[in-house]
Amino acid sequence: MLEHVELKITITQAEDGLAAEILLEEECFDIIFTDINLPGMDGIQLLQKWHMLLPNTQWAILSGISDFEYG
């Protein structure tokens, strides 16, 4: 038998990496989806700066860029 579970989901969006950083200072998030290619501070810089400060937050880094190098 399946149990009915109700989830409360709030979606917050930032215009760029710097705006995302302001949100991270103000709110707690369970999961963060970020693009690699963000103006101001890219998604990898955002993750590097914040992942140790938010140990219970899961991160997903996405990109629509077909040709890039990170390493």
Protein backbone atom coordinates (compact mmCIF):
# COMPACT_ATOMS: atom_id res chain seq x y z
CA MET A 1 0.00 0.00 0.00
CA LEU A 2 1.35 3.42 -0.94
CA GLU A 3 1.33 6.15 1.62
CA HIS A 4 0.38 9.68 0.66
CA VAL A 5 3.17 12.13 1.47
CA GLU A 6 2.73 15.85 1.06
CA LEU A 7 5.82 17.89 0.30
CA LYS A 8 6.22 21.61 0.69
CA ILE A 9 8.48 22.91 -2.07
CA THR A 10 9.64 26.47 -2.40
CA ILE A 11 11.62 27.51 -5.46
CA THR A 12 13.87 30.55 -5.25
CA GLN A 13 15.76 31.96 -8.21
CA ALA A 14 18.78 34.26 -8.42
CA GLU A 15 19.74 36.39 -11.42
CA ASP A 16 23.48 35.67 -11.10
CA GLY A 17 26.11 34.15 -8.81
CA LEU A 18 26.37 37.24 -6.61
CA ALA A 19 22.60 37.32 -6.05
CA ALA A 20 22.72 33.59 -5.25
CA GLU A 21 25.35 34.27 -2.63
CA ILE A 22 23.07 36.83 -0.95
CA LEU A 23 20.28 34.23 -0.85
CA LEU A 24 22.66 31.70 0.72
CA GLU A 25 23.50 34.20 3.46
CA GLU A 26 19.79 34.72 4.23
CA GLU A 27 18.13 31.31 3.83
CA CYS A 28 18.73 27.57 4.27
CA PHE A 29 18.28 25.32 1.25
CA ASP A 30 18.03 21.53 1.02
CA ILE A 31 19.21 21.42 -2.59
CA ILE A 32 20.78 23.99 -4.89
CA PHE A 33 20.71 23.73 -8.67
CA THR A 34 23.22 26.05 -10.30
CA ASP A 35 24.55 26.61 -13.78
CA ILE A 36 28.29 26.56 -14.36
CA ASN A 37 28.05 29.69 -16.48
CA LEU A 38 26.75 32.49 -14.23
CA PRO A 39 27.69 36.17 -14.39
CA GLY A 40 29.44 37.63 -11.35
CA MET A 41 30.41 34.31 -9.77
CA ASP A 42 30.11 31.05 -11.68
CA GLY A 43 28.46 27.95 -10.24
CA ILE A 44 31.75 26.22 -9.46
CA GLN A 45 33.03 29.26 -7.53
CA LEU A 46 29.72 29.40 -5.68
CA LEU A 47 30.00 25.71 -4.75
CA GLN A 48 33.66 26.02 -3.70
CA LYS A 49 32.87 28.96 -1.44
CA TRP A 50 29.69 27.59 0.16
CA HIS A 51 29.77 23.78 0.28
CA MET A 52 31.73 23.63 3.56
CA LEU A 53 29.45 26.24 5.15
CA LEU A 54 26.32 24.29 4.14
CA PRO A 55 27.16 20.65 4.96
CA ASN A 56 23.54 19.44 4.76
CA THR A 57 22.84 21.04 1.38
CA GLN A 58 22.96 18.97 -1.79
CA TRP A 59 24.38 20.60 -4.93
CA ALA A 60 23.60 19.94 -8.60
CA ILE A 61 25.69 21.78 -11.19
CA LEU A 62 24.20 22.01 -14.67
CA SER A 63 25.27 23.54 -17.95
CA GLY A 64 23.79 24.17 -21.36
CA ILE A 65 27.22 24.88 -22.81
CA SER A 66 28.25 22.23 -25.32
CA ASP A 67 31.95 23.13 -25.48
CA PHE A 68 33.76 24.04 -22.28
CA GLU A 69 36.77 23.09 -20.18
CA TYR A 70 36.95 23.07 -16.39
CA GLY A 71 39.73 21.44 -14.52
